[in-house]
Every structure is written in structure tokens, then in C-alpha cells.
Amino acid sequence: MPVYFIVECGNARKALKIGRATDIQKRRRNLQTGNPAELLIIGWIVAEDEVAFEHALHQRFQHQRRGGEWFEIEPADIQPILLRAGIRGFVAKNADAFEIIGYDRDGITEFVGIWDWGDLEYEECCPFCGCCCGIHYQEVSSLHHCLNCDTLTDFEEVMF
């Protein structure tokens, strides 16, 4: 059962929930019921002892507790925790990361982006599966490889 991070969007005060659930999407939908602010899953970590890990995170952010499992912390404060988790950490993708939304004034393709809450690059988190193991360049194949989803890509098909 992963430890998840869900952020409440649209409020001046950031609220972020740290909890555990087998089905994170279902949990988000249940939390969304009766909540006027949009809830967004930003990531999750598969821990060996999820109860202890969740408790450790609650203790770490105790001084920022808003109530229950909700904390007044910025989603970007969770980013280093997800990155440290490596192959056990995942970032929720917002949409098709490679959907072209336009071109900048130099003609460079602009994409939807993968994560609207943090400044992450594909070297940190795989844009295909969200794993925080990143995309690693393989000299032998001249391709980028994800250790989690085993995707091999040269990004050519998405850039042009």
C-alpha cells in the first residue's frame, strides 16, 4: 500500500495530505466529494513498511499540521522526498506529457509538461511512467532507458 501525497489546489493556503491507500485514484475521488477545491495527486512512494514511513512523514511535518493528515506545506517540499525514494517513488503525470501546445519565439516545441506542481526533468522522473529513477542514457544503444517501465526512447518521435 503506497504512501501518497495529494494537494488541494486553488486555495491561498496550501493543504497537502499524506496518507496510505491501495487505490490512490479512488481515495482522491472519495476525498474530492464535498471538497470545493480540486485535489491533485502529486506522487506516491512504495515503502517496505508504509505505516512507519507515513508516521515518520507526519512527524517530520508535525509543526505544519493543519488537521488530521493534512499539512500546510508546498508540493515542492515533497519533491526531494520523492526523488530520494528513487525506483520506489512515483510522480503522478498530469496528462500526455508530450502533447504539443505551441512553439516559442525561436521555434522550439513546447509541450504540456509532466508535472504542474514541481520543476522536474526526465533525468529525474520518467515522463512515461513517473518513476523517480529517471531516464538514463545508454551509450551502447544511443537511447534513453527507464529502469521501471523499461521504456527505450530517443525522444525523436515526440519532439518533431
N, C-alpha and C. Protein backbone atom coordinates (compact mmCIF):
# COMPACT_ATOMS: atom_id res chain seq x y z
N MET A 1 0.86 -1.18 0.00
CA MET A 1 0.00 0.00 0.00
C MET A 1 0.90 1.24 0.00
N PRO A 2 0.86 2.02 -1.07
CA PRO A 2 1.74 3.20 -1.15
C PRO A 2 1.35 4.33 -0.22
N VAL A 3 2.33 5.13 0.13
CA VAL A 3 2.10 6.38 0.85
C VAL A 3 1.96 7.45 -0.23
N TYR A 4 0.81 8.15 -0.22
CA TYR A 4 0.52 9.11 -1.28
C TYR A 4 0.58 10.55 -0.78
N PHE A 5 0.67 11.46 -1.74
CA PHE A 5 0.68 12.89 -1.48
C PHE A 5 -0.38 13.52 -2.38
N ILE A 6 -1.38 14.12 -1.78
CA ILE A 6 -2.46 14.77 -2.52
C ILE A 6 -2.50 16.23 -2.09
N VAL A 7 -2.53 17.13 -3.06
CA VAL A 7 -2.55 18.56 -2.78
C VAL A 7 -3.92 19.14 -3.11
N GLU A 8 -4.33 20.08 -2.29
CA GLU A 8 -5.58 20.82 -2.51
C GLU A 8 -5.22 22.09 -3.27
N CYS A 9 -5.75 22.23 -4.48
CA CYS A 9 -5.41 23.36 -5.35
C CYS A 9 -6.43 24.48 -5.22
N GLY A 10 -6.02 25.68 -5.55
CA GLY A 10 -6.94 26.81 -5.64
C GLY A 10 -7.14 27.61 -4.37
N ASN A 11 -6.54 27.20 -3.28
CA ASN A 11 -6.65 27.97 -2.04
C ASN A 11 -5.36 28.76 -1.82
N ALA A 12 -5.48 29.86 -1.12
CA ALA A 12 -4.29 30.67 -0.81
C ALA A 12 -3.34 29.88 0.09
N ARG A 13 -3.91 29.13 1.02
CA ARG A 13 -3.10 28.30 1.92
C ARG A 13 -3.01 26.90 1.32
N LYS A 14 -1.81 26.44 1.10
CA LYS A 14 -1.61 25.10 0.54
C LYS A 14 -1.96 24.05 1.57
N ALA A 15 -2.70 23.05 1.15
CA ALA A 15 -3.00 21.92 2.01
C ALA A 15 -2.55 20.66 1.27
N LEU A 16 -1.78 19.84 1.94
CA LEU A 16 -1.26 18.62 1.34
C LEU A 16 -1.54 17.46 2.27
N LYS A 17 -2.12 16.41 1.75
CA LYS A 17 -2.46 15.23 2.55
C LYS A 17 -1.42 14.15 2.33
N ILE A 18 -0.98 13.57 3.43
CA ILE A 18 -0.06 12.44 3.40
C ILE A 18 -0.81 11.27 4.01
N GLY A 19 -1.06 10.26 3.19
CA GLY A 19 -1.82 9.11 3.67
C GLY A 19 -1.41 7.83 2.97
N ARG A 20 -2.17 6.75 3.22
CA ARG A 20 -1.90 5.45 2.62
C ARG A 20 -3.18 4.93 1.97
N ALA A 21 -3.05 4.31 0.82
CA ALA A 21 -4.21 3.71 0.14
C ALA A 21 -3.73 2.72 -0.90
N THR A 22 -4.50 1.68 -1.08
CA THR A 22 -4.21 0.71 -2.13
C THR A 22 -4.55 1.30 -3.49
N ASP A 23 -5.71 1.95 -3.58
CA ASP A 23 -6.16 2.58 -4.82
C ASP A 23 -6.16 4.10 -4.61
N ILE A 24 -5.09 4.76 -5.03
CA ILE A 24 -4.92 6.19 -4.77
C ILE A 24 -5.94 7.02 -5.53
N GLN A 25 -6.25 6.65 -6.76
CA GLN A 25 -7.26 7.40 -7.54
C GLN A 25 -8.62 7.34 -6.84
N LYS A 26 -9.00 6.17 -6.35
CA LYS A 26 -10.28 6.03 -5.64
C LYS A 26 -10.27 6.87 -4.36
N ARG A 27 -9.16 6.86 -3.67
CA ARG A 27 -9.03 7.66 -2.44
C ARG A 27 -9.17 9.15 -2.75
N ARG A 28 -8.55 9.60 -3.85
CA ARG A 28 -8.66 11.01 -4.24
C ARG A 28 -10.11 11.36 -4.56
N ARG A 29 -10.79 10.49 -5.29
CA ARG A 29 -12.20 10.74 -5.62
C ARG A 29 -13.06 10.82 -4.35
N ASN A 30 -12.81 9.94 -3.39
CA ASN A 30 -13.55 9.99 -2.12
C ASN A 30 -13.28 11.28 -1.35
N LEU A 31 -12.03 11.71 -1.34
CA LEU A 31 -11.69 12.97 -0.66
C LEU A 31 -12.28 14.17 -1.40
N GLN A 32 -12.38 14.05 -2.74
CA GLN A 32 -12.90 15.15 -3.55
C GLN A 32 -14.37 15.42 -3.24
N THR A 33 -15.13 14.38 -2.87
CA THR A 33 -16.55 14.54 -2.56
C THR A 33 -16.71 15.54 -1.42
N GLY A 34 -17.43 16.59 -1.67
CA GLY A 34 -17.67 17.61 -0.65
C GLY A 34 -16.56 18.63 -0.51
N ASN A 35 -15.51 18.52 -1.29
CA ASN A 35 -14.40 19.47 -1.22
C ASN A 35 -14.47 20.37 -2.45
N PRO A 36 -14.70 21.66 -2.30
CA PRO A 36 -14.83 22.55 -3.46
C PRO A 36 -13.51 22.77 -4.21
N ALA A 37 -12.39 22.57 -3.54
CA ALA A 37 -11.08 22.76 -4.18
C ALA A 37 -10.69 21.48 -4.91
N GLU A 38 -10.03 21.65 -6.07
CA GLU A 38 -9.58 20.49 -6.83
C GLU A 38 -8.45 19.79 -6.07
N LEU A 39 -8.54 18.48 -5.99
CA LEU A 39 -7.49 17.67 -5.37
C LEU A 39 -6.66 17.01 -6.47
N LEU A 40 -5.35 17.08 -6.32
CA LEU A 40 -4.43 16.58 -7.33
C LEU A 40 -3.43 15.64 -6.67
N ILE A 41 -3.31 14.44 -7.20
CA ILE A 41 -2.29 13.51 -6.73
C ILE A 41 -0.95 13.99 -7.29
N ILE A 42 0.01 14.21 -6.41
CA ILE A 42 1.31 14.65 -6.91
C ILE A 42 2.33 13.51 -6.95
N GLY A 43 2.11 12.48 -6.14
CA GLY A 43 3.04 11.36 -6.17
C GLY A 43 2.77 10.37 -5.07
N TRP A 44 3.55 9.30 -5.08
CA TRP A 44 3.44 8.28 -4.05
C TRP A 44 4.75 7.53 -3.96
N ILE A 45 4.93 6.84 -2.83
CA ILE A 45 6.12 6.06 -2.58
C ILE A 45 5.69 4.68 -2.10
N VAL A 46 6.27 3.66 -2.69
CA VAL A 46 6.03 2.29 -2.25
C VAL A 46 7.11 1.99 -1.21
N ALA A 47 6.71 1.88 0.05
CA ALA A 47 7.66 1.68 1.14
C ALA A 47 7.59 0.24 1.66
N GLU A 48 8.69 -0.23 2.20
CA GLU A 48 8.69 -1.58 2.79
C GLU A 48 7.75 -1.63 3.98
N ASP A 49 7.81 -0.62 4.83
CA ASP A 49 6.91 -0.52 5.98
C ASP A 49 6.16 0.80 5.85
N GLU A 50 5.04 0.77 5.12
CA GLU A 50 4.32 2.00 4.82
C GLU A 50 3.75 2.69 6.05
N VAL A 51 3.39 1.92 7.07
CA VAL A 51 2.85 2.53 8.30
C VAL A 51 3.93 3.37 8.98
N ALA A 52 5.11 2.79 9.12
CA ALA A 52 6.23 3.51 9.75
C ALA A 52 6.66 4.71 8.91
N PHE A 53 6.68 4.53 7.58
CA PHE A 53 7.09 5.62 6.69
C PHE A 53 6.10 6.77 6.76
N GLU A 54 4.80 6.46 6.72
CA GLU A 54 3.78 7.50 6.83
C GLU A 54 3.90 8.23 8.17
N HIS A 55 4.10 7.47 9.23
CA HIS A 55 4.24 8.07 10.57
C HIS A 55 5.47 8.98 10.62
N ALA A 56 6.57 8.55 10.02
CA ALA A 56 7.79 9.37 10.00
C ALA A 56 7.55 10.69 9.26
N LEU A 57 6.81 10.63 8.16
CA LEU A 57 6.49 11.86 7.41
C LEU A 57 5.58 12.77 8.22
N HIS A 58 4.61 12.20 8.91
CA HIS A 58 3.73 13.00 9.76
C HIS A 58 4.52 13.69 10.87
N GLN A 59 5.49 12.98 11.45
CA GLN A 59 6.34 13.56 12.48
C GLN A 59 7.22 14.66 11.92
N ARG A 60 7.76 14.43 10.73
CA ARG A 60 8.64 15.42 10.10
C ARG A 60 7.93 16.75 9.87
N PHE A 61 6.66 16.69 9.46
CA PHE A 61 5.90 17.91 9.16
C PHE A 61 4.90 18.26 10.26
N GLN A 62 5.09 17.73 11.44
CA GLN A 62 4.16 17.93 12.57
C GLN A 62 3.88 19.40 12.85
N HIS A 63 4.90 20.24 12.79
CA HIS A 63 4.73 21.66 13.09
C HIS A 63 3.91 22.38 12.02
N GLN A 64 3.64 21.71 10.90
CA GLN A 64 2.85 22.30 9.83
C GLN A 64 1.50 21.59 9.66
N ARG A 65 1.12 20.83 10.68
CA ARG A 65 -0.13 20.07 10.62
C ARG A 65 -1.31 21.02 10.63
N ARG A 66 -2.20 20.79 9.68
CA ARG A 66 -3.42 21.59 9.57
C ARG A 66 -4.59 20.91 10.27
N GLY A 67 -4.50 19.60 10.37
CA GLY A 67 -5.54 18.79 10.99
C GLY A 67 -5.56 17.42 10.36
N GLY A 68 -5.65 16.38 11.18
CA GLY A 68 -5.64 15.02 10.64
C GLY A 68 -4.37 14.74 9.88
N GLU A 69 -4.52 14.33 8.63
CA GLU A 69 -3.36 14.03 7.79
C GLU A 69 -3.08 15.15 6.79
N TRP A 70 -3.65 16.33 7.00
CA TRP A 70 -3.45 17.49 6.12
C TRP A 70 -2.40 18.40 6.72
N PHE A 71 -1.52 18.89 5.87
CA PHE A 71 -0.41 19.73 6.30
C PHE A 71 -0.33 20.97 5.42
N GLU A 72 0.16 22.06 5.99
CA GLU A 72 0.37 23.30 5.24
C GLU A 72 1.80 23.30 4.73
N ILE A 73 2.03 22.56 3.66
CA ILE A 73 3.35 22.51 3.04
C ILE A 73 3.18 22.62 1.54
N GLU A 74 4.19 23.14 0.90
CA GLU A 74 4.19 23.28 -0.56
C GLU A 74 4.47 21.93 -1.20
N PRO A 75 3.83 21.64 -2.31
CA PRO A 75 4.14 20.39 -3.02
C PRO A 75 5.62 20.26 -3.34
N ALA A 76 6.29 21.36 -3.62
CA ALA A 76 7.72 21.31 -3.94
C ALA A 76 8.54 20.78 -2.77
N ASP A 77 8.01 20.87 -1.53
CA ASP A 77 8.72 20.33 -0.37
C ASP A 77 8.72 18.81 -0.37
N ILE A 78 7.79 18.21 -1.13
CA ILE A 78 7.71 16.76 -1.24
C ILE A 78 8.64 16.24 -2.32
N GLN A 79 8.99 17.10 -3.26
CA GLN A 79 9.83 16.70 -4.39
C GLN A 79 11.12 16.00 -3.97
N PRO A 80 11.90 16.52 -3.02
CA PRO A 80 13.14 15.82 -2.65
C PRO A 80 12.87 14.44 -2.03
N ILE A 81 11.76 14.30 -1.33
CA ILE A 81 11.41 13.01 -0.72
C ILE A 81 11.13 11.99 -1.82
N LEU A 82 10.37 12.41 -2.85
CA LEU A 82 10.08 11.52 -3.97
C LEU A 82 11.36 11.14 -4.72
N LEU A 83 12.24 12.11 -4.94
CA LEU A 83 13.48 11.84 -5.67
C LEU A 83 14.40 10.92 -4.88
N ARG A 84 14.46 11.09 -3.55
CA ARG A 84 15.29 10.20 -2.73
C ARG A 84 14.76 8.77 -2.75
N ALA A 85 13.46 8.60 -2.95
CA ALA A 85 12.87 7.25 -2.98
C ALA A 85 13.32 6.48 -4.21
N GLY A 86 13.79 7.19 -5.24
CA GLY A 86 14.31 6.52 -6.43
C GLY A 86 13.28 5.65 -7.11
N ILE A 87 13.61 4.40 -7.31
CA ILE A 87 12.73 3.50 -8.05
C ILE A 87 11.44 3.17 -7.29
N ARG A 88 11.38 3.47 -6.00
CA ARG A 88 10.16 3.26 -5.22
C ARG A 88 9.26 4.48 -5.21
N GLY A 89 9.73 5.60 -5.75
CA GLY A 89 8.97 6.85 -5.77
C GLY A 89 8.38 7.10 -7.15
N PHE A 90 7.17 7.66 -7.17
CA PHE A 90 6.49 7.95 -8.43
C PHE A 90 5.86 9.33 -8.38
N VAL A 91 5.89 10.00 -9.51
CA VAL A 91 5.26 11.30 -9.67
C VAL A 91 4.06 11.10 -10.57
N ALA A 92 2.91 11.63 -10.16
CA ALA A 92 1.70 11.48 -10.97
C ALA A 92 1.80 12.36 -12.20
N LYS A 93 1.58 11.77 -13.37
CA LYS A 93 1.59 12.54 -14.61
C LYS A 93 0.25 13.23 -14.75
N ASN A 94 0.27 14.47 -15.23
CA ASN A 94 -0.97 15.24 -15.36
C ASN A 94 -1.73 14.93 -16.64
N ALA A 95 -1.02 14.67 -17.69
CA ALA A 95 -1.66 14.47 -19.00
C ALA A 95 -0.62 13.83 -19.91
N ASP A 96 -0.88 13.87 -21.19
CA ASP A 96 0.10 13.40 -22.14
C ASP A 96 1.24 14.41 -22.15
N ALA A 97 2.33 14.04 -21.54
CA ALA A 97 3.45 14.95 -21.36
C ALA A 97 3.99 15.49 -22.67
N PHE A 98 3.77 14.76 -23.73
CA PHE A 98 4.36 15.14 -25.00
C PHE A 98 3.35 15.78 -25.95
N GLU A 99 2.20 16.17 -25.44
CA GLU A 99 1.23 16.88 -26.28
C GLU A 99 1.78 18.27 -26.58
N ILE A 100 1.89 18.61 -27.84
CA ILE A 100 2.45 19.90 -28.24
C ILE A 100 1.41 20.99 -28.02
N ILE A 101 1.80 22.02 -27.28
CA ILE A 101 0.88 23.13 -27.02
C ILE A 101 1.26 24.38 -27.80
N GLY A 102 2.42 24.37 -28.42
CA GLY A 102 2.84 25.53 -29.20
C GLY A 102 4.33 25.53 -29.42
N TYR A 103 4.79 26.68 -29.88
CA TYR A 103 6.21 26.85 -30.15
C TYR A 103 6.63 28.21 -29.60
N ASP A 104 7.83 28.26 -29.03
CA ASP A 104 8.29 29.55 -28.53
C ASP A 104 8.76 30.41 -29.69
N ARG A 105 9.23 31.61 -29.40
CA ARG A 105 9.58 32.53 -30.49
C ARG A 105 10.78 32.08 -31.30
N ASP A 106 11.54 31.12 -30.78
CA ASP A 106 12.67 30.57 -31.52
C ASP A 106 12.28 29.30 -32.28
N GLY A 107 10.99 28.96 -32.26
CA GLY A 107 10.52 27.77 -32.97
C GLY A 107 10.71 26.48 -32.21
N ILE A 108 11.08 26.57 -30.93
CA ILE A 108 11.28 25.38 -30.11
C ILE A 108 9.92 24.87 -29.65
N THR A 109 9.71 23.57 -29.80
CA THR A 109 8.45 22.94 -29.42
C THR A 109 8.22 23.07 -27.92
N GLU A 110 6.99 23.43 -27.54
CA GLU A 110 6.59 23.49 -26.14
C GLU A 110 5.56 22.39 -25.89
N PHE A 111 5.79 21.63 -24.85
CA PHE A 111 4.92 20.51 -24.53
C PHE A 111 4.05 20.85 -23.33
N VAL A 112 2.99 20.02 -23.12
CA VAL A 112 2.09 20.21 -21.98
C VAL A 112 2.89 20.20 -20.69
N GLY A 113 3.86 19.34 -20.61
CA GLY A 113 4.62 19.20 -19.37
C GLY A 113 4.08 18.02 -18.59
N ILE A 114 4.85 17.52 -17.71
CA ILE A 114 4.50 16.31 -17.00
C ILE A 114 3.94 16.64 -15.63
N TRP A 115 4.55 17.57 -14.96
CA TRP A 115 4.18 17.86 -13.58
C TRP A 115 3.97 19.35 -13.43
N ASP A 116 2.75 19.75 -13.09
CA ASP A 116 2.48 21.19 -12.98
C ASP A 116 2.78 21.74 -11.59
N TRP A 117 3.21 20.90 -10.68
CA TRP A 117 3.45 21.35 -9.31
C TRP A 117 4.94 21.44 -8.97
N GLY A 118 5.80 20.90 -9.80
CA GLY A 118 7.22 20.92 -9.47
C GLY A 118 8.07 21.05 -10.71
N ASP A 119 9.29 21.43 -10.54
CA ASP A 119 10.22 21.61 -11.63
C ASP A 119 11.09 20.36 -11.74
N LEU A 120 10.58 19.36 -12.46
CA LEU A 120 11.26 18.09 -12.60
C LEU A 120 11.63 17.85 -14.05
N GLU A 121 12.73 17.20 -14.28
CA GLU A 121 13.19 16.87 -15.62
C GLU A 121 13.14 15.37 -15.82
N TYR A 122 13.19 14.93 -17.07
CA TYR A 122 13.10 13.50 -17.34
C TYR A 122 14.31 12.74 -16.79
N GLU A 123 15.41 13.44 -16.53
CA GLU A 123 16.56 12.77 -15.92
C GLU A 123 16.25 12.39 -14.48
N GLU A 124 15.23 13.03 -13.89
CA GLU A 124 14.85 12.74 -12.50
C GLU A 124 13.68 11.78 -12.42
N CYS A 125 12.66 12.02 -13.22
CA CYS A 125 11.46 11.18 -13.20
C CYS A 125 11.05 10.85 -14.63
N CYS A 126 10.76 9.59 -14.86
CA CYS A 126 10.41 9.12 -16.20
C CYS A 126 9.11 9.77 -16.67
N PRO A 127 9.10 10.41 -17.83
CA PRO A 127 7.88 11.04 -18.33
C PRO A 127 6.85 10.02 -18.82
N PHE A 128 7.23 8.75 -18.92
CA PHE A 128 6.31 7.72 -19.39
C PHE A 128 5.57 7.05 -18.23
N CYS A 129 6.27 6.73 -17.13
CA CYS A 129 5.62 6.04 -16.00
C CYS A 129 5.63 6.85 -14.71
N GLY A 130 6.45 7.92 -14.63
CA GLY A 130 6.51 8.74 -13.44
C GLY A 130 7.49 8.28 -12.39
N CYS A 131 8.20 7.19 -12.64
CA CYS A 131 9.15 6.66 -11.66
C CYS A 131 10.28 7.67 -11.43
N CYS A 132 10.65 7.86 -10.19
CA CYS A 132 11.71 8.81 -9.84
C CYS A 132 13.10 8.20 -9.99
N CYS A 133 13.20 7.14 -10.79
CA CYS A 133 14.51 6.58 -11.11
C CYS A 133 15.11 7.30 -12.31
N GLY A 134 14.28 8.09 -12.98
CA GLY A 134 14.76 8.89 -14.10
C GLY A 134 14.92 8.10 -15.38
N ILE A 135 15.31 8.81 -16.41
CA ILE A 135 15.61 8.21 -17.71
C ILE A 135 17.13 8.28 -17.86
N HIS A 136 17.74 7.14 -18.09
CA HIS A 136 19.19 7.05 -18.16
C HIS A 136 19.63 6.85 -19.61
N TYR A 137 20.65 7.59 -20.02
CA TYR A 137 21.15 7.46 -21.39
C TYR A 137 22.07 6.26 -21.48
N GLN A 138 21.82 5.42 -22.48
CA GLN A 138 22.66 4.25 -22.73
C GLN A 138 23.55 4.53 -23.94
N GLU A 139 24.84 4.52 -23.72
CA GLU A 139 25.80 4.77 -24.79
C GLU A 139 25.69 3.71 -25.89
N VAL A 140 25.53 2.46 -25.51
CA VAL A 140 25.53 1.36 -26.47
C VAL A 140 24.39 1.49 -27.47
N SER A 141 23.19 1.76 -26.97
CA SER A 141 22.01 1.84 -27.85
C SER A 141 21.74 3.26 -28.35
N SER A 142 22.37 4.24 -27.74
CA SER A 142 22.10 5.65 -28.02
C SER A 142 20.64 6.02 -27.75
N LEU A 143 20.08 5.37 -26.75
CA LEU A 143 18.69 5.62 -26.36
C LEU A 143 18.64 5.92 -24.86
N HIS A 144 17.52 6.51 -24.44
CA HIS A 144 17.25 6.75 -23.03
C HIS A 144 16.42 5.59 -22.51
N HIS A 145 16.66 5.15 -21.27
CA HIS A 145 16.04 3.96 -20.71
C HIS A 145 15.50 4.24 -19.31
N CYS A 146 14.28 3.75 -19.03
CA CYS A 146 13.70 3.83 -17.68
C CYS A 146 13.88 2.48 -16.99
N LEU A 147 14.39 2.51 -15.77
CA LEU A 147 14.61 1.27 -15.03
C LEU A 147 13.31 0.63 -14.58
N ASN A 148 12.23 1.42 -14.48
CA ASN A 148 10.96 0.87 -14.00
C ASN A 148 10.10 0.32 -15.13
N CYS A 149 9.76 1.14 -16.11
CA CYS A 149 8.84 0.71 -17.18
C CYS A 149 9.58 0.12 -18.37
N ASP A 150 10.92 0.15 -18.35
CA ASP A 150 11.76 -0.43 -19.39
C ASP A 150 11.58 0.25 -20.74
N THR A 151 11.09 1.50 -20.74
CA THR A 151 10.93 2.25 -21.99
C THR A 151 12.29 2.63 -22.55
N LEU A 152 12.44 2.42 -23.83
CA LEU A 152 13.61 2.89 -24.57
C LEU A 152 13.14 3.94 -25.55
N THR A 153 13.77 5.10 -25.55
CA THR A 153 13.35 6.18 -26.45
C THR A 153 14.52 7.06 -26.82
N ASP A 154 14.40 7.68 -27.99
CA ASP A 154 15.35 8.71 -28.38
C ASP A 154 14.69 10.08 -28.35
N PHE A 155 13.42 10.11 -27.96
CA PHE A 155 12.59 11.30 -27.87
C PHE A 155 12.36 11.96 -29.23
N GLU A 156 12.85 11.35 -30.31
CA GLU A 156 12.63 11.90 -31.65
C GLU A 156 11.16 11.94 -32.00
N GLU A 157 10.44 10.84 -31.71
CA GLU A 157 9.04 10.75 -32.09
C GLU A 157 8.16 11.76 -31.36
N VAL A 158 8.63 12.28 -30.26
CA VAL A 158 7.83 13.27 -29.52
C VAL A 158 8.27 14.69 -29.77
N MET A 159 9.44 14.88 -30.32
CA MET A 159 9.94 16.24 -30.47
C MET A 159 9.67 16.83 -31.85
N PHE A 160 9.44 16.01 -32.85
CA PHE A 160 9.25 16.54 -34.19
C PHE A 160 8.06 15.91 -34.85
